[in-house]
Amino acid sequence: IIKILCGALCLFFASKLGPYTYGLY
């Protein structure tokens, strides 16, 4: 459960940062 929660947090941050930086690119 802890791994899933940490993974979900990583995916959340990636889902926000990824599209923003790709748009700038």
mmCIF file of all heavy atoms, coordinates in Angstrom:
data_MODEL
# 
_entry.id   MODEL 
# 
loop_
_atom_site.group_PDB 
_atom_site.id 
_atom_site.type_symbol 
_atom_site.label_atom_id 
_atom_site.label_alt_id 
_atom_site.label_comp_id 
_atom_site.label_asym_id 
_atom_site.label_entity_id 
_atom_site.label_seq_id 
_atom_site.pdbx_PDB_ins_code 
_atom_site.Cartn_x 
_atom_site.Cartn_y 
_atom_site.Cartn_z 
_atom_site.occupancy 
_atom_site.B_iso_or_equiv 
_atom_site.pdbx_formal_charge 
_atom_site.auth_seq_id 
_atom_site.auth_comp_id 
_atom_site.auth_asym_id 
_atom_site.auth_atom_id 
_atom_site.pdbx_PDB_model_num 
ATOM 1   N N   . ILE A 1 1  ? 0.844  -1.206 0.000   1.00 0.00 ? 1  ILE A N   1 
ATOM 2   C CA  . ILE A 1 1  ? 0.000  0.000  0.000   1.00 0.00 ? 1  ILE A CA  1 
ATOM 3   C C   . ILE A 1 1  ? 0.875  1.251  0.000   1.00 0.00 ? 1  ILE A C   1 
ATOM 4   O O   . ILE A 1 1  ? 0.591  2.218  -0.722  1.00 0.00 ? 1  ILE A O   1 
ATOM 5   C CB  . ILE A 1 1  ? -0.967 -0.016 1.210   1.00 0.00 ? 1  ILE A CB  1 
ATOM 6   C CG1 . ILE A 1 1  ? -2.000 -1.137 1.021   1.00 0.00 ? 1  ILE A CG1 1 
ATOM 7   C CG2 . ILE A 1 1  ? -1.659 1.329  1.367   1.00 0.00 ? 1  ILE A CG2 1 
ATOM 8   C CD1 . ILE A 1 1  ? -2.879 -1.380 2.224   1.00 0.00 ? 1  ILE A CD1 1 
ATOM 9   N N   . ILE A 1 2  ? 1.940  1.233  0.791   1.00 0.00 ? 2  ILE A N   1 
ATOM 10  C CA  . ILE A 1 2  ? 2.849  2.382  0.837   1.00 0.00 ? 2  ILE A CA  1 
ATOM 11  C C   . ILE A 1 2  ? 3.502  2.602  -0.531  1.00 0.00 ? 2  ILE A C   1 
ATOM 12  O O   . ILE A 1 2  ? 3.606  3.736  -1.008  1.00 0.00 ? 2  ILE A O   1 
ATOM 13  C CB  . ILE A 1 2  ? 3.911  2.208  1.951   1.00 0.00 ? 2  ILE A CB  1 
ATOM 14  C CG1 . ILE A 1 2  ? 3.226  2.299  3.311   1.00 0.00 ? 2  ILE A CG1 1 
ATOM 15  C CG2 . ILE A 1 2  ? 5.015  3.244  1.817   1.00 0.00 ? 2  ILE A CG2 1 
ATOM 16  C CD1 . ILE A 1 2  ? 4.116  1.960  4.481   1.00 0.00 ? 2  ILE A CD1 1 
ATOM 17  N N   . LYS A 1 3  ? 3.920  1.507  -1.182  1.00 0.00 ? 3  LYS A N   1 
ATOM 18  C CA  . LYS A 1 3  ? 4.506  1.635  -2.515  1.00 0.00 ? 3  LYS A CA  1 
ATOM 19  C C   . LYS A 1 3  ? 3.503  2.211  -3.507  1.00 0.00 ? 3  LYS A C   1 
ATOM 20  O O   . LYS A 1 3  ? 3.843  3.059  -4.336  1.00 0.00 ? 3  LYS A O   1 
ATOM 21  C CB  . LYS A 1 3  ? 5.010  0.278  -3.020  1.00 0.00 ? 3  LYS A CB  1 
ATOM 22  C CG  . LYS A 1 3  ? 6.323  -0.148 -2.409  1.00 0.00 ? 3  LYS A CG  1 
ATOM 23  C CD  . LYS A 1 3  ? 6.787  -1.449 -3.041  1.00 0.00 ? 3  LYS A CD  1 
ATOM 24  C CE  . LYS A 1 3  ? 8.135  -1.868 -2.519  1.00 0.00 ? 3  LYS A CE  1 
ATOM 25  N NZ  . LYS A 1 3  ? 8.604  -3.097 -3.169  1.00 0.00 ? 3  LYS A NZ  1 
ATOM 26  N N   . ILE A 1 4  ? 2.271  1.755  -3.433  1.00 0.00 ? 4  ILE A N   1 
ATOM 27  C CA  . ILE A 1 4  ? 1.233  2.259  -4.341  1.00 0.00 ? 4  ILE A CA  1 
ATOM 28  C C   . ILE A 1 4  ? 0.995  3.744  -4.108  1.00 0.00 ? 4  ILE A C   1 
ATOM 29  O O   . ILE A 1 4  ? 0.889  4.531  -5.063  1.00 0.00 ? 4  ILE A O   1 
ATOM 30  C CB  . ILE A 1 4  ? -0.070 1.448  -4.196  1.00 0.00 ? 4  ILE A CB  1 
ATOM 31  C CG1 . ILE A 1 4  ? 0.129  0.042  -4.755  1.00 0.00 ? 4  ILE A CG1 1 
ATOM 32  C CG2 . ILE A 1 4  ? -1.236 2.147  -4.890  1.00 0.00 ? 4  ILE A CG2 1 
ATOM 33  C CD1 . ILE A 1 4  ? -1.020 -0.909 -4.498  1.00 0.00 ? 4  ILE A CD1 1 
ATOM 34  N N   . LEU A 1 5  ? 0.935  4.162  -2.841  1.00 0.00 ? 5  LEU A N   1 
ATOM 35  C CA  . LEU A 1 5  ? 0.717  5.577  -2.538  1.00 0.00 ? 5  LEU A CA  1 
ATOM 36  C C   . LEU A 1 5  ? 1.893  6.440  -3.021  1.00 0.00 ? 5  LEU A C   1 
ATOM 37  O O   . LEU A 1 5  ? 1.691  7.514  -3.602  1.00 0.00 ? 5  LEU A O   1 
ATOM 38  C CB  . LEU A 1 5  ? 0.496  5.782  -1.042  1.00 0.00 ? 5  LEU A CB  1 
ATOM 39  C CG  . LEU A 1 5  ? -0.834 5.243  -0.497  1.00 0.00 ? 5  LEU A CG  1 
ATOM 40  C CD1 . LEU A 1 5  ? -0.892 5.386  1.012   1.00 0.00 ? 5  LEU A CD1 1 
ATOM 41  C CD2 . LEU A 1 5  ? -2.008 5.953  -1.152  1.00 0.00 ? 5  LEU A CD2 1 
ATOM 42  N N   . CYS A 1 6  ? 3.116  5.969  -2.796  1.00 0.00 ? 6  CYS A N   1 
ATOM 43  C CA  . CYS A 1 6  ? 4.289  6.708  -3.273  1.00 0.00 ? 6  CYS A CA  1 
ATOM 44  C C   . CYS A 1 6  ? 4.306  6.758  -4.804  1.00 0.00 ? 6  CYS A C   1 
ATOM 45  O O   . CYS A 1 6  ? 4.616  7.801  -5.393  1.00 0.00 ? 6  CYS A O   1 
ATOM 46  C CB  . CYS A 1 6  ? 5.579  6.070  -2.753  1.00 0.00 ? 6  CYS A CB  1 
ATOM 47  S SG  . CYS A 1 6  ? 5.828  6.311  -0.987  1.00 0.00 ? 6  CYS A SG  1 
ATOM 48  N N   . GLY A 1 7  ? 3.974  5.641  -5.431  1.00 0.00 ? 7  GLY A N   1 
ATOM 49  C CA  . GLY A 1 7  ? 3.907  5.607  -6.890  1.00 0.00 ? 7  GLY A CA  1 
ATOM 50  C C   . GLY A 1 7  ? 2.847  6.543  -7.432  1.00 0.00 ? 7  GLY A C   1 
ATOM 51  O O   . GLY A 1 7  ? 3.071  7.233  -8.437  1.00 0.00 ? 7  GLY A O   1 
ATOM 52  N N   . ALA A 1 8  ? 1.699  6.584  -6.769  1.00 0.00 ? 8  ALA A N   1 
ATOM 53  C CA  . ALA A 1 8  ? 0.631  7.482  -7.205  1.00 0.00 ? 8  ALA A CA  1 
ATOM 54  C C   . ALA A 1 8  ? 1.066  8.937  -7.067  1.00 0.00 ? 8  ALA A C   1 
ATOM 55  O O   . ALA A 1 8  ? 0.759  9.767  -7.938  1.00 0.00 ? 8  ALA A O   1 
ATOM 56  C CB  . ALA A 1 8  ? -0.631 7.227  -6.383  1.00 0.00 ? 8  ALA A CB  1 
ATOM 57  N N   . LEU A 1 9  ? 1.805  9.246  -6.013  1.00 0.00 ? 9  LEU A N   1 
ATOM 58  C CA  . LEU A 1 9  ? 2.317  10.608 -5.836  1.00 0.00 ? 9  LEU A CA  1 
ATOM 59  C C   . LEU A 1 9  ? 3.304  10.967 -6.946  1.00 0.00 ? 9  LEU A C   1 
ATOM 60  O O   . LEU A 1 9  ? 3.243  12.068 -7.514  1.00 0.00 ? 9  LEU A O   1 
ATOM 61  C CB  . LEU A 1 9  ? 2.981  10.733 -4.461  1.00 0.00 ? 9  LEU A CB  1 
ATOM 62  C CG  . LEU A 1 9  ? 3.342  12.123 -3.992  1.00 0.00 ? 9  LEU A CG  1 
ATOM 63  C CD1 . LEU A 1 9  ? 2.115  13.007 -3.901  1.00 0.00 ? 9  LEU A CD1 1 
ATOM 64  C CD2 . LEU A 1 9  ? 4.025  12.050 -2.633  1.00 0.00 ? 9  LEU A CD2 1 
ATOM 65  N N   . CYS A 1 10 ? 4.189  10.033 -7.275  1.00 0.00 ? 10 CYS A N   1 
ATOM 66  C CA  . CYS A 1 10 ? 5.133  10.263 -8.383  1.00 0.00 ? 10 CYS A CA  1 
ATOM 67  C C   . CYS A 1 10 ? 4.385  10.480 -9.698  1.00 0.00 ? 10 CYS A C   1 
ATOM 68  O O   . CYS A 1 10 ? 4.720  11.387 -10.478 1.00 0.00 ? 10 CYS A O   1 
ATOM 69  C CB  . CYS A 1 10 ? 6.091  9.082  -8.533  1.00 0.00 ? 10 CYS A CB  1 
ATOM 70  S SG  . CYS A 1 10 ? 7.350  8.961  -7.270  1.00 0.00 ? 10 CYS A SG  1 
ATOM 71  N N   . LEU A 1 11 ? 3.372  9.670  -9.947  1.00 0.00 ? 11 LEU A N   1 
ATOM 72  C CA  . LEU A 1 11 ? 2.599  9.807  -11.176 1.00 0.00 ? 11 LEU A CA  1 
ATOM 73  C C   . LEU A 1 11 ? 1.834  11.131 -11.215 1.00 0.00 ? 11 LEU A C   1 
ATOM 74  O O   . LEU A 1 11 ? 1.717  11.756 -12.273 1.00 0.00 ? 11 LEU A O   1 
ATOM 75  C CB  . LEU A 1 11 ? 1.635  8.628  -11.330 1.00 0.00 ? 11 LEU A CB  1 
ATOM 76  C CG  . LEU A 1 11 ? 2.293  7.293  -11.665 1.00 0.00 ? 11 LEU A CG  1 
ATOM 77  C CD1 . LEU A 1 11 ? 1.282  6.153  -11.555 1.00 0.00 ? 11 LEU A CD1 1 
ATOM 78  C CD2 . LEU A 1 11 ? 2.898  7.331  -13.060 1.00 0.00 ? 11 LEU A CD2 1 
ATOM 79  N N   . PHE A 1 12 ? 1.343  11.565 -10.056 1.00 0.00 ? 12 PHE A N   1 
ATOM 80  C CA  . PHE A 1 12 ? 0.636  12.846 -9.993  1.00 0.00 ? 12 PHE A CA  1 
ATOM 81  C C   . PHE A 1 12 ? 1.574  13.993 -10.385 1.00 0.00 ? 12 PHE A C   1 
ATOM 82  O O   . PHE A 1 12 ? 1.237  14.827 -11.223 1.00 0.00 ? 12 PHE A O   1 
ATOM 83  C CB  . PHE A 1 12 ? 0.065  13.073 -8.588  1.00 0.00 ? 12 PHE A CB  1 
ATOM 84  C CG  . PHE A 1 12 ? -0.516 14.449 -8.413  1.00 0.00 ? 12 PHE A CG  1 
ATOM 85  C CD1 . PHE A 1 12 ? -1.762 14.761 -8.953  1.00 0.00 ? 12 PHE A CD1 1 
ATOM 86  C CD2 . PHE A 1 12 ? 0.177  15.429 -7.731  1.00 0.00 ? 12 PHE A CD2 1 
ATOM 87  C CE1 . PHE A 1 12 ? -2.295 16.034 -8.802  1.00 0.00 ? 12 PHE A CE1 1 
ATOM 88  C CE2 . PHE A 1 12 ? -0.343 16.696 -7.575  1.00 0.00 ? 12 PHE A CE2 1 
ATOM 89  C CZ  . PHE A 1 12 ? -1.586 17.005 -8.111  1.00 0.00 ? 12 PHE A CZ  1 
ATOM 90  N N   . PHE A 1 13 ? 2.764  14.032 -9.770  1.00 0.00 ? 13 PHE A N   1 
ATOM 91  C CA  . PHE A 1 13 ? 3.714  15.102 -10.093 1.00 0.00 ? 13 PHE A CA  1 
ATOM 92  C C   . PHE A 1 13 ? 4.159  15.031 -11.553 1.00 0.00 ? 13 PHE A C   1 
ATOM 93  O O   . PHE A 1 13 ? 4.288  16.065 -12.221 1.00 0.00 ? 13 PHE A O   1 
ATOM 94  C CB  . PHE A 1 13 ? 4.917  15.074 -9.158  1.00 0.00 ? 13 PHE A CB  1 
ATOM 95  C CG  . PHE A 1 13 ? 4.607  15.603 -7.792  1.00 0.00 ? 13 PHE A CG  1 
ATOM 96  C CD1 . PHE A 1 13 ? 4.786  14.805 -6.677  1.00 0.00 ? 13 PHE A CD1 1 
ATOM 97  C CD2 . PHE A 1 13 ? 4.127  16.886 -7.606  1.00 0.00 ? 13 PHE A CD2 1 
ATOM 98  C CE1 . PHE A 1 13 ? 4.486  15.290 -5.407  1.00 0.00 ? 13 PHE A CE1 1 
ATOM 99  C CE2 . PHE A 1 13 ? 3.830  17.374 -6.349  1.00 0.00 ? 13 PHE A CE2 1 
ATOM 100 C CZ  . PHE A 1 13 ? 4.013  16.572 -5.239  1.00 0.00 ? 13 PHE A CZ  1 
ATOM 101 N N   . ALA A 1 14 ? 4.374  13.832 -12.055 1.00 0.00 ? 14 ALA A N   1 
ATOM 102 C CA  . ALA A 1 14 ? 4.770  13.680 -13.459 1.00 0.00 ? 14 ALA A CA  1 
ATOM 103 C C   . ALA A 1 14 ? 3.649  14.148 -14.386 1.00 0.00 ? 14 ALA A C   1 
ATOM 104 O O   . ALA A 1 14 ? 3.919  14.735 -15.437 1.00 0.00 ? 14 ALA A O   1 
ATOM 105 C CB  . ALA A 1 14 ? 5.137  12.229 -13.757 1.00 0.00 ? 14 ALA A CB  1 
ATOM 106 N N   . SER A 1 15 ? 2.393  13.922 -13.999 1.00 0.00 ? 15 SER A N   1 
ATOM 107 C CA  . SER A 1 15 ? 1.267  14.327 -14.844 1.00 0.00 ? 15 SER A CA  1 
ATOM 108 C C   . SER A 1 15 ? 1.111  15.845 -14.894 1.00 0.00 ? 15 SER A C   1 
ATOM 109 O O   . SER A 1 15 ? 0.515  16.378 -15.831 1.00 0.00 ? 15 SER A O   1 
ATOM 110 C CB  . SER A 1 15 ? -0.033 13.688 -14.357 1.00 0.00 ? 15 SER A CB  1 
ATOM 111 O OG  . SER A 1 15 ? -0.485 14.310 -13.160 1.00 0.00 ? 15 SER A OG  1 
ATOM 112 N N   . LYS A 1 16 ? 1.622  16.546 -13.909 1.00 0.00 ? 16 LYS A N   1 
ATOM 113 C CA  . LYS A 1 16 ? 1.569  18.013 -13.911 1.00 0.00 ? 16 LYS A CA  1 
ATOM 114 C C   . LYS A 1 16 ? 2.801  18.611 -14.597 1.00 0.00 ? 16 LYS A C   1 
ATOM 115 O O   . LYS A 1 16 ? 2.697  19.526 -15.401 1.00 0.00 ? 16 LYS A O   1 
ATOM 116 C CB  . LYS A 1 16 ? 1.476  18.562 -12.472 1.00 0.00 ? 16 LYS A CB  1 
ATOM 117 C CG  . LYS A 1 16 ? 0.237  18.134 -11.742 1.00 0.00 ? 16 LYS A CG  1 
ATOM 118 C CD  . LYS A 1 16 ? -0.998 18.628 -12.446 1.00 0.00 ? 16 LYS A CD  1 
ATOM 119 C CE  . LYS A 1 16 ? -2.241 18.178 -11.732 1.00 0.00 ? 16 LYS A CE  1 
ATOM 120 N NZ  . LYS A 1 16 ? -3.451 18.447 -12.478 1.00 0.00 ? 16 LYS A NZ  1 
ATOM 121 N N   . LEU A 1 17 ? 3.987  18.107 -14.248 1.00 0.00 ? 17 LEU A N   1 
ATOM 122 C CA  . LEU A 1 17 ? 5.234  18.654 -14.777 1.00 0.00 ? 17 LEU A CA  1 
ATOM 123 C C   . LEU A 1 17 ? 5.452  18.277 -16.243 1.00 0.00 ? 17 LEU A C   1 
ATOM 124 O O   . LEU A 1 17 ? 5.901  19.103 -17.033 1.00 0.00 ? 17 LEU A O   1 
ATOM 125 C CB  . LEU A 1 17 ? 6.417  18.177 -13.932 1.00 0.00 ? 17 LEU A CB  1 
ATOM 126 C CG  . LEU A 1 17 ? 7.796  18.702 -14.319 1.00 0.00 ? 17 LEU A CG  1 
ATOM 127 C CD1 . LEU A 1 17 ? 7.848  20.221 -14.203 1.00 0.00 ? 17 LEU A CD1 1 
ATOM 128 C CD2 . LEU A 1 17 ? 8.868  18.057 -13.451 1.00 0.00 ? 17 LEU A CD2 1 
ATOM 129 N N   . GLY A 1 18 ? 5.136  17.045 -16.609 1.00 0.00 ? 18 GLY A N   1 
ATOM 130 C CA  . GLY A 1 18 ? 5.385  16.561 -17.966 1.00 0.00 ? 18 GLY A CA  1 
ATOM 131 C C   . GLY A 1 18 ? 4.717  17.388 -19.050 1.00 0.00 ? 18 GLY A C   1 
ATOM 132 O O   . GLY A 1 18 ? 5.392  17.903 -19.952 1.00 0.00 ? 18 GLY A O   1 
ATOM 133 N N   . PRO A 1 19 ? 3.389  17.565 -18.997 1.00 0.00 ? 19 PRO A N   1 
ATOM 134 C CA  . PRO A 1 19 ? 2.730  18.354 -20.045 1.00 0.00 ? 19 PRO A CA  1 
ATOM 135 C C   . PRO A 1 19 ? 3.188  19.814 -20.075 1.00 0.00 ? 19 PRO A C   1 
ATOM 136 O O   . PRO A 1 19 ? 3.316  20.412 -21.142 1.00 0.00 ? 19 PRO A O   1 
ATOM 137 C CB  . PRO A 1 19 ? 1.245  18.269 -19.694 1.00 0.00 ? 19 PRO A CB  1 
ATOM 138 C CG  . PRO A 1 19 ? 1.129  17.007 -18.902 1.00 0.00 ? 19 PRO A CG  1 
ATOM 139 C CD  . PRO A 1 19 ? 2.418  16.887 -18.136 1.00 0.00 ? 19 PRO A CD  1 
ATOM 140 N N   . TYR A 1 20 ? 3.470  20.386 -18.907 1.00 0.00 ? 20 TYR A N   1 
ATOM 141 C CA  . TYR A 1 20 ? 3.936  21.775 -18.854 1.00 0.00 ? 20 TYR A CA  1 
ATOM 142 C C   . TYR A 1 20 ? 5.284  21.914 -19.563 1.00 0.00 ? 20 TYR A C   1 
ATOM 143 O O   . TYR A 1 20 ? 5.455  22.789 -20.416 1.00 0.00 ? 20 TYR A O   1 
ATOM 144 C CB  . TYR A 1 20 ? 4.035  22.237 -17.399 1.00 0.00 ? 20 TYR A CB  1 
ATOM 145 C CG  . TYR A 1 20 ? 4.662  23.605 -17.260 1.00 0.00 ? 20 TYR A CG  1 
ATOM 146 C CD1 . TYR A 1 20 ? 3.965  24.745 -17.627 1.00 0.00 ? 20 TYR A CD1 1 
ATOM 147 C CD2 . TYR A 1 20 ? 5.955  23.740 -16.774 1.00 0.00 ? 20 TYR A CD2 1 
ATOM 148 C CE1 . TYR A 1 20 ? 4.537  26.002 -17.513 1.00 0.00 ? 20 TYR A CE1 1 
ATOM 149 C CE2 . TYR A 1 20 ? 6.533  24.990 -16.659 1.00 0.00 ? 20 TYR A CE2 1 
ATOM 150 C CZ  . TYR A 1 20 ? 5.824  26.112 -17.026 1.00 0.00 ? 20 TYR A CZ  1 
ATOM 151 O OH  . TYR A 1 20 ? 6.409  27.346 -16.915 1.00 0.00 ? 20 TYR A OH  1 
ATOM 152 N N   . THR A 1 21 ? 6.241  21.066 -19.214 1.00 0.00 ? 21 THR A N   1 
ATOM 153 C CA  . THR A 1 21 ? 7.566  21.170 -19.818 1.00 0.00 ? 21 THR A CA  1 
ATOM 154 C C   . THR A 1 21 ? 7.534  20.781 -21.297 1.00 0.00 ? 21 THR A C   1 
ATOM 155 O O   . THR A 1 21 ? 8.270  21.358 -22.102 1.00 0.00 ? 21 THR A O   1 
ATOM 156 C CB  . THR A 1 21 ? 8.608  20.317 -19.079 1.00 0.00 ? 21 THR A CB  1 
ATOM 157 O OG1 . THR A 1 21 ? 8.180  18.957 -19.058 1.00 0.00 ? 21 THR A OG1 1 
ATOM 158 C CG2 . THR A 1 21 ? 8.811  20.817 -17.668 1.00 0.00 ? 21 THR A CG2 1 
ATOM 159 N N   . TYR A 1 22 ? 6.682  19.842 -21.666 1.00 0.00 ? 22 TYR A N   1 
ATOM 160 C CA  . TYR A 1 22 ? 6.585  19.464 -23.072 1.00 0.00 ? 22 TYR A CA  1 
ATOM 161 C C   . TYR A 1 22 ? 5.977  20.609 -23.891 1.00 0.00 ? 22 TYR A C   1 
ATOM 162 O O   . TYR A 1 22 ? 6.398  20.862 -25.022 1.00 0.00 ? 22 TYR A O   1 
ATOM 163 C CB  . TYR A 1 22 ? 5.769  18.182 -23.253 1.00 0.00 ? 22 TYR A CB  1 
ATOM 164 C CG  . TYR A 1 22 ? 5.746  17.716 -24.681 1.00 0.00 ? 22 TYR A CG  1 
ATOM 165 C CD1 . TYR A 1 22 ? 6.911  17.267 -25.301 1.00 0.00 ? 22 TYR A CD1 1 
ATOM 166 C CD2 . TYR A 1 22 ? 4.581  17.748 -25.429 1.00 0.00 ? 22 TYR A CD2 1 
ATOM 167 C CE1 . TYR A 1 22 ? 6.914  16.860 -26.622 1.00 0.00 ? 22 TYR A CE1 1 
ATOM 168 C CE2 . TYR A 1 22 ? 4.565  17.334 -26.752 1.00 0.00 ? 22 TYR A CE2 1 
ATOM 169 C CZ  . TYR A 1 22 ? 5.734  16.891 -27.342 1.00 0.00 ? 22 TYR A CZ  1 
ATOM 170 O OH  . TYR A 1 22 ? 5.724  16.488 -28.654 1.00 0.00 ? 22 TYR A OH  1 
ATOM 171 N N   . GLY A 1 23 ? 5.021  21.334 -23.307 1.00 0.00 ? 23 GLY A N   1 
ATOM 172 C CA  . GLY A 1 23 ? 4.446  22.500 -23.981 1.00 0.00 ? 23 GLY A CA  1 
ATOM 173 C C   . GLY A 1 23 ? 5.502  23.572 -24.224 1.00 0.00 ? 23 GLY A C   1 
ATOM 174 O O   . GLY A 1 23 ? 5.564  24.165 -25.301 1.00 0.00 ? 23 GLY A O   1 
ATOM 175 N N   . LEU A 1 24 ? 6.359  23.813 -23.215 1.00 0.00 ? 24 LEU A N   1 
ATOM 176 C CA  . LEU A 1 24 ? 7.455  24.770 -23.394 1.00 0.00 ? 24 LEU A CA  1 
ATOM 177 C C   . LEU A 1 24 ? 8.418  24.290 -24.471 1.00 0.00 ? 24 LEU A C   1 
ATOM 178 O O   . LEU A 1 24 ? 8.924  25.085 -25.264 1.00 0.00 ? 24 LEU A O   1 
ATOM 179 C CB  . LEU A 1 24 ? 8.212  24.974 -22.079 1.00 0.00 ? 24 LEU A CB  1 
ATOM 180 C CG  . LEU A 1 24 ? 7.482  25.730 -20.976 1.00 0.00 ? 24 LEU A CG  1 
ATOM 181 C CD1 . LEU A 1 24 ? 8.329  25.758 -19.709 1.00 0.00 ? 24 LEU A CD1 1 
ATOM 182 C CD2 . LEU A 1 24 ? 7.124  27.134 -21.418 1.00 0.00 ? 24 LEU A CD2 1 
ATOM 183 N N   . TYR A 1 25 ? 8.673  22.989 -24.490 1.00 0.00 ? 25 TYR A N   1 
ATOM 184 C CA  . TYR A 1 25 ? 9.560  22.412 -25.504 1.00 0.00 ? 25 TYR A CA  1 
ATOM 185 C C   . TYR A 1 25 ? 8.995  22.660 -26.907 1.00 0.00 ? 25 TYR A C   1 
ATOM 186 O O   . TYR A 1 25 ? 9.718  23.091 -27.810 1.00 0.00 ? 25 TYR A O   1 
ATOM 187 C CB  . TYR A 1 25 ? 9.735  20.913 -25.254 1.00 0.00 ? 25 TYR A CB  1 
ATOM 188 C CG  . TYR A 1 25 ? 10.451 20.198 -26.366 1.00 0.00 ? 25 TYR A CG  1 
ATOM 189 C CD1 . TYR A 1 25 ? 11.835 20.254 -26.472 1.00 0.00 ? 25 TYR A CD1 1 
ATOM 190 C CD2 . TYR A 1 25 ? 9.735  19.472 -27.318 1.00 0.00 ? 25 TYR A CD2 1 
ATOM 191 C CE1 . TYR A 1 25 ? 12.496 19.604 -27.500 1.00 0.00 ? 25 TYR A CE1 1 
ATOM 192 C CE2 . TYR A 1 25 ? 10.385 18.823 -28.343 1.00 0.00 ? 25 TYR A CE2 1 
ATOM 193 C CZ  . TYR A 1 25 ? 11.762 18.887 -28.432 1.00 0.00 ? 25 TYR A CZ  1 
ATOM 194 O OH  . TYR A 1 25 ? 12.414 18.248 -29.459 1.00 0.00 ? 25 TYR A OH  1 
# 
